[in-house]
Amino acid sequence: MGGSSPCASCKLLRRRCAKNCIFAPYFPSDDPQRFAIVHKVFGASNVSKMLQEIPVHQRADAVSSLVYEANARIRDPVYGCVGAISYLQSQVSQLQMQLAMAQAEILSIKQQQQVTELVQNQEMILQQVDAVVDHEDDEKEKSSFVNFPNYNLSYLQQYFNFAASDATANVIQDPPIPKREFLWA
């Protein structure tokens, strides 16, 4: 940078760092290993050409990408960062599959709970219906004990209505006989 200490690239290349050195803003002298890895994989002249073609506001991101790719190429010379990306994509796929299986299991459990609740509701309704039927059976037994057909309780009033002023009103009248229908006429 023309001042006291040259940038990491000029130090590694053993040259004088000019004021307009393209590497100086991105490879400071306190981190020489960063440029060394990029230089080993891509070469200084190639990196210089790439940085000159990129707009100034995007150069920091480009250098960050070059450093990442260079580190990946050192670890995996064949695939580089593509190997890391494919590994991460396979992990994402496995996790998505596990998530789908967990969601399916949750759905299955919810459906089982709904079926259980439905069965319990049906059992409760059947118990209520049985209670109503039992109550009606009790009423039938009471009415058959008193011998009143068709559950018509208006005839009970005639039995207990002794306070009428007319003598004919105290006469108990038989209920009308219901018509019987036959399937074969």
N, C-alpha and C. Protein backbone atom coordinates (compact mmCIF):
# COMPACT_ATOMS: atom_id res chain seq x y z
N MET A 1 0.83 -1.18 0.00
CA MET A 1 0.00 0.00 0.00
C MET A 1 0.87 1.24 0.00
N GLY A 2 2.07 1.10 -0.40
CA GLY A 2 2.96 2.23 -0.54
C GLY A 2 3.45 2.78 0.78
N GLY A 3 2.88 2.31 1.88
CA GLY A 3 3.22 2.83 3.20
C GLY A 3 4.24 1.94 3.86
N SER A 4 3.98 1.65 5.12
CA SER A 4 4.95 0.93 5.95
C SER A 4 5.09 -0.54 5.57
N SER A 5 3.98 -1.28 5.45
CA SER A 5 4.11 -2.72 5.19
C SER A 5 3.36 -3.09 3.92
N PRO A 6 3.94 -3.94 3.11
CA PRO A 6 3.26 -4.36 1.89
C PRO A 6 2.12 -5.34 2.20
N CYS A 7 1.19 -5.50 1.27
CA CYS A 7 0.07 -6.45 1.44
C CYS A 7 0.61 -7.87 1.40
N ALA A 8 -0.23 -8.81 1.76
CA ALA A 8 0.18 -10.22 1.83
C ALA A 8 0.62 -10.74 0.48
N SER A 9 -0.02 -10.31 -0.59
CA SER A 9 0.35 -10.80 -1.93
C SER A 9 1.71 -10.28 -2.35
N CYS A 10 1.96 -9.00 -2.12
CA CYS A 10 3.26 -8.44 -2.50
C CYS A 10 4.38 -9.02 -1.64
N LYS A 11 4.07 -9.31 -0.38
CA LYS A 11 5.06 -9.93 0.50
C LYS A 11 5.42 -11.33 -0.01
N LEU A 12 4.37 -12.11 -0.40
CA LEU A 12 4.61 -13.47 -0.88
C LEU A 12 5.33 -13.46 -2.22
N LEU A 13 4.95 -12.53 -3.07
CA LEU A 13 5.56 -12.45 -4.40
C LEU A 13 6.88 -11.68 -4.38
N ARG A 14 7.22 -11.11 -3.22
CA ARG A 14 8.47 -10.38 -3.01
C ARG A 14 8.62 -9.23 -3.99
N ARG A 15 7.61 -8.40 -3.98
CA ARG A 15 7.67 -7.21 -4.81
C ARG A 15 7.23 -6.01 -4.00
N ARG A 16 7.46 -4.87 -4.54
CA ARG A 16 7.10 -3.63 -3.85
C ARG A 16 5.61 -3.40 -4.02
N CYS A 17 4.90 -3.03 -2.94
CA CYS A 17 3.45 -2.82 -2.98
C CYS A 17 3.16 -1.39 -3.43
N ALA A 18 2.54 -1.24 -4.56
CA ALA A 18 2.22 0.09 -5.11
C ALA A 18 0.98 0.66 -4.44
N LYS A 19 0.76 1.98 -4.62
CA LYS A 19 -0.41 2.63 -4.02
C LYS A 19 -1.71 2.04 -4.56
N ASN A 20 -1.71 1.72 -5.82
CA ASN A 20 -2.93 1.20 -6.46
C ASN A 20 -2.91 -0.33 -6.57
N CYS A 21 -2.26 -1.00 -5.66
CA CYS A 21 -2.19 -2.47 -5.66
C CYS A 21 -3.60 -3.04 -5.53
N ILE A 22 -3.98 -3.88 -6.46
CA ILE A 22 -5.34 -4.44 -6.48
C ILE A 22 -5.57 -5.45 -5.35
N PHE A 23 -4.48 -6.02 -4.81
CA PHE A 23 -4.61 -7.02 -3.76
C PHE A 23 -4.70 -6.40 -2.35
N ALA A 24 -4.16 -5.22 -2.16
CA ALA A 24 -4.00 -4.62 -0.84
C ALA A 24 -5.29 -4.53 -0.03
N PRO A 25 -6.42 -4.09 -0.60
CA PRO A 25 -7.63 -4.01 0.24
C PRO A 25 -8.18 -5.37 0.67
N TYR A 26 -7.83 -6.43 -0.04
CA TYR A 26 -8.47 -7.73 0.20
C TYR A 26 -7.54 -8.76 0.85
N PHE A 27 -6.23 -8.54 0.77
CA PHE A 27 -5.27 -9.45 1.38
C PHE A 27 -4.31 -8.64 2.26
N PRO A 28 -4.74 -8.30 3.48
CA PRO A 28 -3.88 -7.50 4.36
C PRO A 28 -2.64 -8.29 4.80
N SER A 29 -1.65 -7.55 5.25
CA SER A 29 -0.38 -8.18 5.61
C SER A 29 -0.47 -9.05 6.86
N ASP A 30 -1.51 -8.85 7.68
CA ASP A 30 -1.62 -9.64 8.92
C ASP A 30 -2.17 -11.05 8.68
N ASP A 31 -2.63 -11.37 7.45
CA ASP A 31 -3.16 -12.71 7.15
C ASP A 31 -2.52 -13.22 5.84
N PRO A 32 -1.24 -13.56 5.88
CA PRO A 32 -0.56 -13.98 4.64
C PRO A 32 -1.03 -15.34 4.12
N GLN A 33 -1.54 -16.19 5.00
CA GLN A 33 -1.97 -17.55 4.59
C GLN A 33 -3.17 -17.46 3.63
N ARG A 34 -3.98 -16.46 3.78
CA ARG A 34 -5.17 -16.31 2.94
C ARG A 34 -4.75 -16.16 1.47
N PHE A 35 -3.81 -15.28 1.20
CA PHE A 35 -3.37 -15.11 -0.20
C PHE A 35 -2.55 -16.32 -0.66
N ALA A 36 -1.81 -16.93 0.23
CA ALA A 36 -0.97 -18.07 -0.16
C ALA A 36 -1.83 -19.20 -0.71
N ILE A 37 -2.98 -19.46 -0.08
CA ILE A 37 -3.87 -20.54 -0.55
C ILE A 37 -4.47 -20.18 -1.90
N VAL A 38 -4.94 -18.93 -2.05
CA VAL A 38 -5.53 -18.50 -3.32
C VAL A 38 -4.48 -18.55 -4.43
N HIS A 39 -3.26 -18.10 -4.14
CA HIS A 39 -2.17 -18.10 -5.13
C HIS A 39 -1.81 -19.53 -5.52
N LYS A 40 -1.82 -20.44 -4.57
CA LYS A 40 -1.46 -21.85 -4.85
C LYS A 40 -2.46 -22.49 -5.80
N VAL A 41 -3.77 -22.17 -5.61
CA VAL A 41 -4.81 -22.81 -6.43
C VAL A 41 -5.02 -22.07 -7.76
N PHE A 42 -5.13 -20.74 -7.72
CA PHE A 42 -5.51 -19.99 -8.91
C PHE A 42 -4.35 -19.26 -9.59
N GLY A 43 -3.33 -18.91 -8.85
CA GLY A 43 -2.23 -18.13 -9.40
C GLY A 43 -2.50 -16.64 -9.25
N ALA A 44 -1.46 -15.86 -8.98
CA ALA A 44 -1.61 -14.43 -8.71
C ALA A 44 -2.10 -13.67 -9.93
N SER A 45 -1.58 -14.00 -11.10
CA SER A 45 -1.97 -13.25 -12.30
C SER A 45 -3.45 -13.50 -12.64
N ASN A 46 -3.93 -14.73 -12.47
CA ASN A 46 -5.35 -15.03 -12.73
C ASN A 46 -6.25 -14.29 -11.74
N VAL A 47 -5.85 -14.27 -10.46
CA VAL A 47 -6.64 -13.56 -9.46
C VAL A 47 -6.65 -12.07 -9.78
N SER A 48 -5.52 -11.53 -10.19
CA SER A 48 -5.44 -10.12 -10.55
C SER A 48 -6.35 -9.81 -11.72
N LYS A 49 -6.39 -10.65 -12.74
CA LYS A 49 -7.26 -10.44 -13.91
C LYS A 49 -8.73 -10.51 -13.50
N MET A 50 -9.08 -11.50 -12.64
CA MET A 50 -10.48 -11.63 -12.18
C MET A 50 -10.92 -10.38 -11.43
N LEU A 51 -10.08 -9.89 -10.53
CA LEU A 51 -10.44 -8.73 -9.73
C LEU A 51 -10.57 -7.47 -10.59
N GLN A 52 -9.77 -7.34 -11.63
CA GLN A 52 -9.85 -6.16 -12.50
C GLN A 52 -11.14 -6.16 -13.31
N GLU A 53 -11.67 -7.32 -13.63
CA GLU A 53 -12.90 -7.41 -14.42
C GLU A 53 -14.17 -7.23 -13.58
N ILE A 54 -14.06 -7.32 -12.29
CA ILE A 54 -15.22 -7.23 -11.39
C ILE A 54 -15.36 -5.79 -10.90
N PRO A 55 -16.59 -5.27 -10.80
CA PRO A 55 -16.79 -3.93 -10.25
C PRO A 55 -16.26 -3.85 -8.81
N VAL A 56 -15.81 -2.68 -8.41
CA VAL A 56 -15.15 -2.50 -7.12
C VAL A 56 -16.04 -2.92 -5.95
N HIS A 57 -17.33 -2.63 -6.02
CA HIS A 57 -18.23 -2.96 -4.90
C HIS A 57 -18.47 -4.47 -4.75
N GLN A 58 -18.09 -5.27 -5.75
CA GLN A 58 -18.28 -6.72 -5.67
C GLN A 58 -16.97 -7.47 -5.42
N ARG A 59 -15.88 -6.79 -5.37
CA ARG A 59 -14.57 -7.46 -5.26
C ARG A 59 -14.39 -8.16 -3.92
N ALA A 60 -14.87 -7.57 -2.84
CA ALA A 60 -14.71 -8.22 -1.53
C ALA A 60 -15.42 -9.57 -1.50
N ASP A 61 -16.63 -9.62 -2.08
CA ASP A 61 -17.36 -10.89 -2.14
C ASP A 61 -16.64 -11.89 -3.04
N ALA A 62 -16.07 -11.40 -4.14
CA ALA A 62 -15.35 -12.29 -5.06
C ALA A 62 -14.12 -12.88 -4.37
N VAL A 63 -13.38 -12.05 -3.63
CA VAL A 63 -12.21 -12.55 -2.92
C VAL A 63 -12.62 -13.57 -1.88
N SER A 64 -13.71 -13.31 -1.18
CA SER A 64 -14.20 -14.27 -0.18
C SER A 64 -14.54 -15.61 -0.85
N SER A 65 -15.17 -15.55 -2.02
CA SER A 65 -15.49 -16.78 -2.75
C SER A 65 -14.23 -17.50 -3.22
N LEU A 66 -13.23 -16.73 -3.69
CA LEU A 66 -11.98 -17.35 -4.14
C LEU A 66 -11.27 -18.04 -2.98
N VAL A 67 -11.27 -17.42 -1.82
CA VAL A 67 -10.63 -18.03 -0.65
C VAL A 67 -11.37 -19.31 -0.26
N TYR A 68 -12.69 -19.27 -0.28
CA TYR A 68 -13.49 -20.46 0.07
C TYR A 68 -13.20 -21.59 -0.92
N GLU A 69 -13.22 -21.26 -2.22
CA GLU A 69 -12.97 -22.29 -3.24
C GLU A 69 -11.55 -22.83 -3.13
N ALA A 70 -10.60 -21.97 -2.85
CA ALA A 70 -9.21 -22.44 -2.73
C ALA A 70 -9.08 -23.39 -1.54
N ASN A 71 -9.69 -23.05 -0.41
CA ASN A 71 -9.66 -23.95 0.76
C ASN A 71 -10.33 -25.29 0.43
N ALA A 72 -11.45 -25.24 -0.30
CA ALA A 72 -12.15 -26.47 -0.68
C ALA A 72 -11.30 -27.31 -1.63
N ARG A 73 -10.59 -26.67 -2.55
CA ARG A 73 -9.73 -27.39 -3.49
C ARG A 73 -8.54 -28.02 -2.78
N ILE A 74 -8.05 -27.39 -1.75
CA ILE A 74 -6.93 -27.97 -0.98
C ILE A 74 -7.43 -29.23 -0.27
N ARG A 75 -8.65 -29.17 0.31
CA ARG A 75 -9.21 -30.33 1.03
C ARG A 75 -9.63 -31.42 0.06
N ASP A 76 -10.27 -31.03 -1.06
CA ASP A 76 -10.77 -32.00 -2.04
C ASP A 76 -10.37 -31.53 -3.43
N PRO A 77 -9.21 -31.98 -3.91
CA PRO A 77 -8.69 -31.47 -5.19
C PRO A 77 -9.57 -31.80 -6.40
N VAL A 78 -10.37 -32.84 -6.33
CA VAL A 78 -11.19 -33.23 -7.48
C VAL A 78 -12.47 -32.41 -7.56
N TYR A 79 -13.23 -32.36 -6.48
CA TYR A 79 -14.53 -31.71 -6.52
C TYR A 79 -14.53 -30.29 -5.94
N GLY A 80 -13.63 -29.98 -5.08
CA GLY A 80 -13.58 -28.64 -4.50
C GLY A 80 -14.84 -28.33 -3.71
N CYS A 81 -15.37 -27.12 -3.91
CA CYS A 81 -16.57 -26.75 -3.15
C CYS A 81 -17.82 -27.45 -3.68
N VAL A 82 -17.77 -27.96 -4.91
CA VAL A 82 -18.91 -28.71 -5.45
C VAL A 82 -19.14 -29.96 -4.61
N GLY A 83 -18.07 -30.59 -4.16
CA GLY A 83 -18.21 -31.76 -3.29
C GLY A 83 -18.88 -31.39 -1.98
N ALA A 84 -18.49 -30.25 -1.41
CA ALA A 84 -19.13 -29.81 -0.16
C ALA A 84 -20.59 -29.46 -0.39
N ILE A 85 -20.87 -28.82 -1.52
CA ILE A 85 -22.26 -28.45 -1.84
C ILE A 85 -23.12 -29.69 -2.03
N SER A 86 -22.61 -30.68 -2.77
CA SER A 86 -23.40 -31.90 -2.98
C SER A 86 -23.60 -32.66 -1.68
N TYR A 87 -22.58 -32.65 -0.80
CA TYR A 87 -22.73 -33.29 0.51
C TYR A 87 -23.82 -32.59 1.32
N LEU A 88 -23.81 -31.27 1.32
CA LEU A 88 -24.83 -30.52 2.06
C LEU A 88 -26.22 -30.73 1.45
N GLN A 89 -26.29 -30.81 0.12
CA GLN A 89 -27.58 -31.06 -0.52
C GLN A 89 -28.12 -32.44 -0.16
N SER A 90 -27.24 -33.43 -0.08
CA SER A 90 -27.71 -34.77 0.32
C SER A 90 -28.19 -34.75 1.77
N GLN A 91 -27.50 -34.00 2.63
CA GLN A 91 -27.97 -33.88 4.02
C GLN A 91 -29.33 -33.21 4.08
N VAL A 92 -29.52 -32.15 3.27
CA VAL A 92 -30.81 -31.46 3.23
C VAL A 92 -31.90 -32.42 2.76
N SER A 93 -31.61 -33.24 1.74
CA SER A 93 -32.59 -34.21 1.25
C SER A 93 -32.95 -35.22 2.33
N GLN A 94 -31.94 -35.72 3.04
CA GLN A 94 -32.21 -36.68 4.11
C GLN A 94 -33.05 -36.04 5.21
N LEU A 95 -32.73 -34.80 5.56
CA LEU A 95 -33.49 -34.12 6.61
C LEU A 95 -34.92 -33.84 6.16
N GLN A 96 -35.10 -33.50 4.88
CA GLN A 96 -36.45 -33.29 4.36
C GLN A 96 -37.25 -34.59 4.40
N MET A 97 -36.59 -35.71 4.10
CA MET A 97 -37.26 -37.00 4.16
C MET A 97 -37.66 -37.32 5.60
N GLN A 98 -36.74 -37.09 6.54
CA GLN A 98 -37.06 -37.32 7.95
C GLN A 98 -38.20 -36.43 8.41
N LEU A 99 -38.19 -35.18 7.95
CA LEU A 99 -39.27 -34.25 8.30
C LEU A 99 -40.60 -34.73 7.74
N ALA A 100 -40.60 -35.19 6.49
CA ALA A 100 -41.83 -35.70 5.88
C ALA A 100 -42.34 -36.92 6.64
N MET A 101 -41.42 -37.80 7.05
CA MET A 101 -41.83 -38.99 7.81
C MET A 101 -42.40 -38.58 9.17
N ALA A 102 -41.78 -37.61 9.81
CA ALA A 102 -42.28 -37.15 11.11
C ALA A 102 -43.65 -36.50 10.96
N GLN A 103 -43.83 -35.70 9.89
CA GLN A 103 -45.13 -35.08 9.65
C GLN A 103 -46.19 -36.13 9.36
N ALA A 104 -45.83 -37.17 8.61
CA ALA A 104 -46.78 -38.25 8.33
C ALA A 104 -47.15 -38.98 9.61
N GLU A 105 -46.18 -39.19 10.48
CA GLU A 105 -46.45 -39.86 11.75
C GLU A 105 -47.35 -39.00 12.63
N ILE A 106 -47.11 -37.71 12.64
CA ILE A 106 -47.96 -36.79 13.42
C ILE A 106 -49.38 -36.83 12.88
N LEU A 107 -49.52 -36.80 11.55
CA LEU A 107 -50.84 -36.87 10.92
C LEU A 107 -51.54 -38.17 11.28
N SER A 108 -50.80 -39.27 11.26
CA SER A 108 -51.37 -40.57 11.61
C SER A 108 -51.85 -40.59 13.05
N ILE A 109 -51.04 -40.03 13.94
CA ILE A 109 -51.43 -39.98 15.36
C ILE A 109 -52.67 -39.11 15.54
N LYS A 110 -52.72 -37.97 14.84
CA LYS A 110 -53.90 -37.10 14.94
C LYS A 110 -55.14 -37.81 14.43
N GLN A 111 -54.99 -38.55 13.32
CA GLN A 111 -56.14 -39.28 12.79
C GLN A 111 -56.59 -40.36 13.75
N GLN A 112 -55.64 -41.05 14.39
CA GLN A 112 -56.00 -42.07 15.38
C GLN A 112 -56.74 -41.43 16.55
N GLN A 113 -56.28 -40.26 16.97
CA GLN A 113 -56.96 -39.56 18.06
C GLN A 113 -58.36 -39.15 17.65
N GLN A 114 -58.52 -38.68 16.40
CA GLN A 114 -59.84 -38.30 15.93
C GLN A 114 -60.76 -39.51 15.87
N VAL A 115 -60.24 -40.64 15.41
CA VAL A 115 -61.05 -41.86 15.35
C VAL A 115 -61.43 -42.28 16.76
N THR A 116 -60.49 -42.20 17.69
CA THR A 116 -60.77 -42.57 19.08
C THR A 116 -61.85 -41.65 19.66
N GLU A 117 -61.72 -40.35 19.40
CA GLU A 117 -62.73 -39.40 19.89
C GLU A 117 -64.09 -39.68 19.25
N LEU A 118 -64.08 -40.01 17.94
CA LEU A 118 -65.33 -40.31 17.26
C LEU A 118 -65.98 -41.56 17.85
N VAL A 119 -65.18 -42.58 18.09
CA VAL A 119 -65.72 -43.81 18.69
C VAL A 119 -66.27 -43.52 20.09
N GLN A 120 -65.53 -42.73 20.87
CA GLN A 120 -65.99 -42.38 22.21
C GLN A 120 -67.30 -41.59 22.13
N ASN A 121 -67.38 -40.65 21.17
CA ASN A 121 -68.62 -39.88 21.00
C ASN A 121 -69.77 -40.79 20.60
N GLN A 122 -69.50 -41.74 19.70
CA GLN A 122 -70.54 -42.66 19.28
C GLN A 122 -70.98 -43.53 20.46
N GLU A 123 -70.03 -43.99 21.26
CA GLU A 123 -70.38 -44.79 22.44
C GLU A 123 -71.22 -43.98 23.41
N MET A 124 -70.86 -42.71 23.58
CA MET A 124 -71.62 -41.85 24.48
C MET A 124 -73.04 -41.63 23.95
N ILE A 125 -73.16 -41.43 22.63
CA ILE A 125 -74.47 -41.26 22.03
C ILE A 125 -75.29 -42.54 22.17
N LEU A 126 -74.64 -43.69 21.95
CA LEU A 126 -75.35 -44.96 22.12
C LEU A 126 -75.81 -45.17 23.56
N GLN A 127 -74.98 -44.77 24.51
CA GLN A 127 -75.38 -44.86 25.91
C GLN A 127 -76.58 -43.95 26.20
N GLN A 128 -76.56 -42.76 25.60
CA GLN A 128 -77.69 -41.85 25.79
C GLN A 128 -78.95 -42.42 25.14
N VAL A 129 -78.79 -43.00 23.94
CA VAL A 129 -79.94 -43.61 23.27
C VAL A 129 -80.46 -44.78 24.10
N ASP A 130 -79.55 -45.60 24.63
CA ASP A 130 -79.96 -46.72 25.47
C ASP A 130 -80.71 -46.21 26.71
N ALA A 131 -80.24 -45.11 27.28
CA ALA A 131 -80.91 -44.55 28.45
C ALA A 131 -82.31 -44.08 28.08
N VAL A 132 -82.44 -43.44 26.91
CA VAL A 132 -83.76 -42.98 26.47
C VAL A 132 -84.65 -44.18 26.20
N VAL A 133 -84.12 -45.22 25.55
CA VAL A 133 -84.91 -46.42 25.26
C VAL A 133 -85.31 -47.10 26.57
N ASP A 134 -84.39 -47.19 27.52
CA ASP A 134 -84.73 -47.77 28.81
C ASP A 134 -85.82 -46.97 29.50
N HIS A 135 -85.74 -45.65 29.40
CA HIS A 135 -86.77 -44.79 30.00
C HIS A 135 -88.11 -45.02 29.32
N GLU A 136 -88.08 -45.15 27.96
CA GLU A 136 -89.33 -45.42 27.25
C GLU A 136 -89.88 -46.80 27.61
N ASP A 137 -88.97 -47.77 27.79
CA ASP A 137 -89.40 -49.10 28.20
C ASP A 137 -90.07 -49.03 29.58
N ASP A 138 -89.48 -48.23 30.48
CA ASP A 138 -90.08 -48.05 31.81
C ASP A 138 -91.45 -47.42 31.67
N GLU A 139 -91.59 -46.45 30.77
CA GLU A 139 -92.88 -45.80 30.56
C GLU A 139 -93.88 -46.81 29.98
N LYS A 140 -93.42 -47.67 29.08
CA LYS A 140 -94.31 -48.69 28.51
C LYS A 140 -94.80 -49.63 29.60
N GLU A 141 -93.87 -50.02 30.49
CA GLU A 141 -94.26 -50.91 31.58
C GLU A 141 -95.28 -50.22 32.48
N LYS A 142 -95.08 -48.95 32.76
CA LYS A 142 -96.04 -48.23 33.59
C LYS A 142 -97.39 -48.13 32.91
N SER A 143 -97.39 -47.81 31.61
CA SER A 143 -98.66 -47.67 30.91
C SER A 143 -99.33 -49.02 30.71
N SER A 144 -98.54 -50.07 30.50
CA SER A 144 -99.17 -51.38 30.34
C SER A 144 -99.71 -51.87 31.68
N PHE A 145 -99.09 -51.44 32.76
CA PHE A 145 -99.60 -51.79 34.09
C PHE A 145 -100.97 -51.15 34.31
N VAL A 146 -101.13 -49.95 33.83
CA VAL A 146 -102.41 -49.25 34.00
C VAL A 146 -103.35 -49.61 32.85
N ASN A 147 -102.85 -50.31 31.84
CA ASN A 147 -103.62 -50.75 30.67
C ASN A 147 -104.13 -49.60 29.83
N PHE A 148 -103.28 -48.64 29.54
CA PHE A 148 -103.66 -47.55 28.64
C PHE A 148 -102.90 -47.72 27.33
N PRO A 149 -103.62 -47.93 26.24
CA PRO A 149 -102.93 -48.09 24.95
C PRO A 149 -102.44 -46.74 24.43
N ASN A 150 -101.46 -46.79 23.54
CA ASN A 150 -100.94 -45.64 22.81
C ASN A 150 -100.37 -44.54 23.70
N TYR A 151 -100.05 -44.84 24.94
CA TYR A 151 -99.44 -43.87 25.86
C TYR A 151 -100.25 -42.59 26.00
N ASN A 152 -101.55 -42.66 25.82
CA ASN A 152 -102.40 -41.47 25.90
C ASN A 152 -102.73 -41.22 27.37
N LEU A 153 -102.15 -40.20 27.94
CA LEU A 153 -102.33 -39.92 29.36
C LEU A 153 -103.56 -39.07 29.65
N SER A 154 -104.27 -38.67 28.62
CA SER A 154 -105.48 -37.86 28.87
C SER A 154 -106.55 -38.68 29.60
N TYR A 155 -106.48 -39.99 29.48
CA TYR A 155 -107.44 -40.84 30.17
C TYR A 155 -107.18 -40.88 31.67
N LEU A 156 -105.94 -40.66 32.07
CA LEU A 156 -105.63 -40.61 33.49
C LEU A 156 -106.38 -39.46 34.16
N GLN A 157 -106.54 -38.40 33.43
CA GLN A 157 -107.25 -37.25 33.99
C GLN A 157 -108.70 -37.62 34.32
N GLN A 158 -109.30 -38.48 33.51
CA GLN A 158 -110.67 -38.90 33.77
C GLN A 158 -110.76 -39.71 35.06
N TYR A 159 -109.77 -40.53 35.35
CA TYR A 159 -109.78 -41.32 36.57
C TYR A 159 -109.66 -40.45 37.80
N PHE A 160 -108.90 -39.42 37.71
CA PHE A 160 -108.65 -38.61 38.89
C PHE A 160 -109.46 -37.33 38.95
N ASN A 161 -110.37 -37.13 38.02
CA ASN A 161 -111.18 -35.92 38.01
C ASN A 161 -112.54 -36.23 38.67
N PHE A 162 -112.55 -36.18 40.01
CA PHE A 162 -113.79 -36.49 40.74
C PHE A 162 -114.52 -35.22 41.17
N ALA A 163 -113.99 -34.09 40.87
CA ALA A 163 -114.58 -32.86 41.36
C ALA A 163 -115.48 -32.20 40.33
N ALA A 164 -115.84 -32.90 39.29
CA ALA A 164 -116.69 -32.30 38.27
C ALA A 164 -118.12 -32.16 38.80
N SER A 165 -118.81 -31.16 38.35
CA SER A 165 -120.17 -30.90 38.86
C SER A 165 -121.21 -31.80 38.20
N ASP A 166 -120.99 -32.20 37.03
CA ASP A 166 -121.95 -33.03 36.32
C ASP A 166 -121.70 -34.50 36.66
N ALA A 167 -122.70 -35.27 36.88
CA ALA A 167 -122.56 -36.67 37.26
C ALA A 167 -122.01 -37.50 36.11
N THR A 168 -122.33 -37.11 34.87
CA THR A 168 -121.83 -37.88 33.72
C THR A 168 -120.34 -37.63 33.49
N ALA A 169 -119.85 -36.55 34.06
CA ALA A 169 -118.43 -36.25 33.86
C ALA A 169 -117.57 -37.21 34.67
N ASN A 170 -118.13 -37.80 35.75
CA ASN A 170 -117.38 -38.74 36.57
C ASN A 170 -117.37 -40.14 36.00
N VAL A 171 -118.05 -40.34 34.88
CA VAL A 171 -118.07 -41.65 34.27
C VAL A 171 -116.77 -41.83 33.48
N ILE A 172 -116.17 -42.95 33.73
CA ILE A 172 -114.91 -43.24 33.03
C ILE A 172 -115.25 -43.83 31.68
N GLN A 173 -114.67 -43.21 30.64
CA GLN A 173 -114.93 -43.68 29.28
C GLN A 173 -113.72 -44.48 28.82
N ASP A 174 -114.01 -45.53 28.05
CA ASP A 174 -112.93 -46.36 27.52
C ASP A 174 -112.24 -45.61 26.38
N PRO A 175 -110.98 -45.84 26.27
CA PRO A 175 -110.27 -45.17 25.17
C PRO A 175 -110.69 -45.76 23.83
N PRO A 176 -110.53 -45.00 22.78
CA PRO A 176 -110.92 -45.54 21.47
C PRO A 176 -110.00 -46.70 21.10
N ILE A 177 -110.53 -47.66 20.43
CA ILE A 177 -109.77 -48.84 20.03
C ILE A 177 -109.00 -48.48 18.75
N PRO A 178 -107.71 -48.67 18.79
CA PRO A 178 -106.95 -48.32 17.58
C PRO A 178 -107.24 -49.30 16.45
N LYS A 179 -107.18 -48.76 15.24
CA LYS A 179 -107.42 -49.61 14.06
C LYS A 179 -106.20 -50.49 13.86
N ARG A 180 -106.47 -51.70 13.51
CA ARG A 180 -105.37 -52.62 13.23
C ARG A 180 -105.23 -52.74 11.71
N GLU A 181 -104.03 -52.66 11.29
CA GLU A 181 -103.77 -52.78 9.85
C GLU A 181 -103.12 -54.14 9.62
N PHE A 182 -103.52 -54.77 8.56
CA PHE A 182 -102.97 -56.08 8.21
C PHE A 182 -102.18 -55.96 6.92
N LEU A 183 -101.14 -56.75 6.86
CA LEU A 183 -100.36 -56.74 5.63
C LEU A 183 -101.09 -57.42 4.49
N TRP A 184 -101.92 -58.44 4.82
CA TRP A 184 -102.70 -59.11 3.79
C TRP A 184 -104.16 -58.83 4.03
N ALA A 185 -104.78 -58.19 3.12
CA ALA A 185 -106.18 -57.82 3.32
C ALA A 185 -107.11 -58.91 2.93
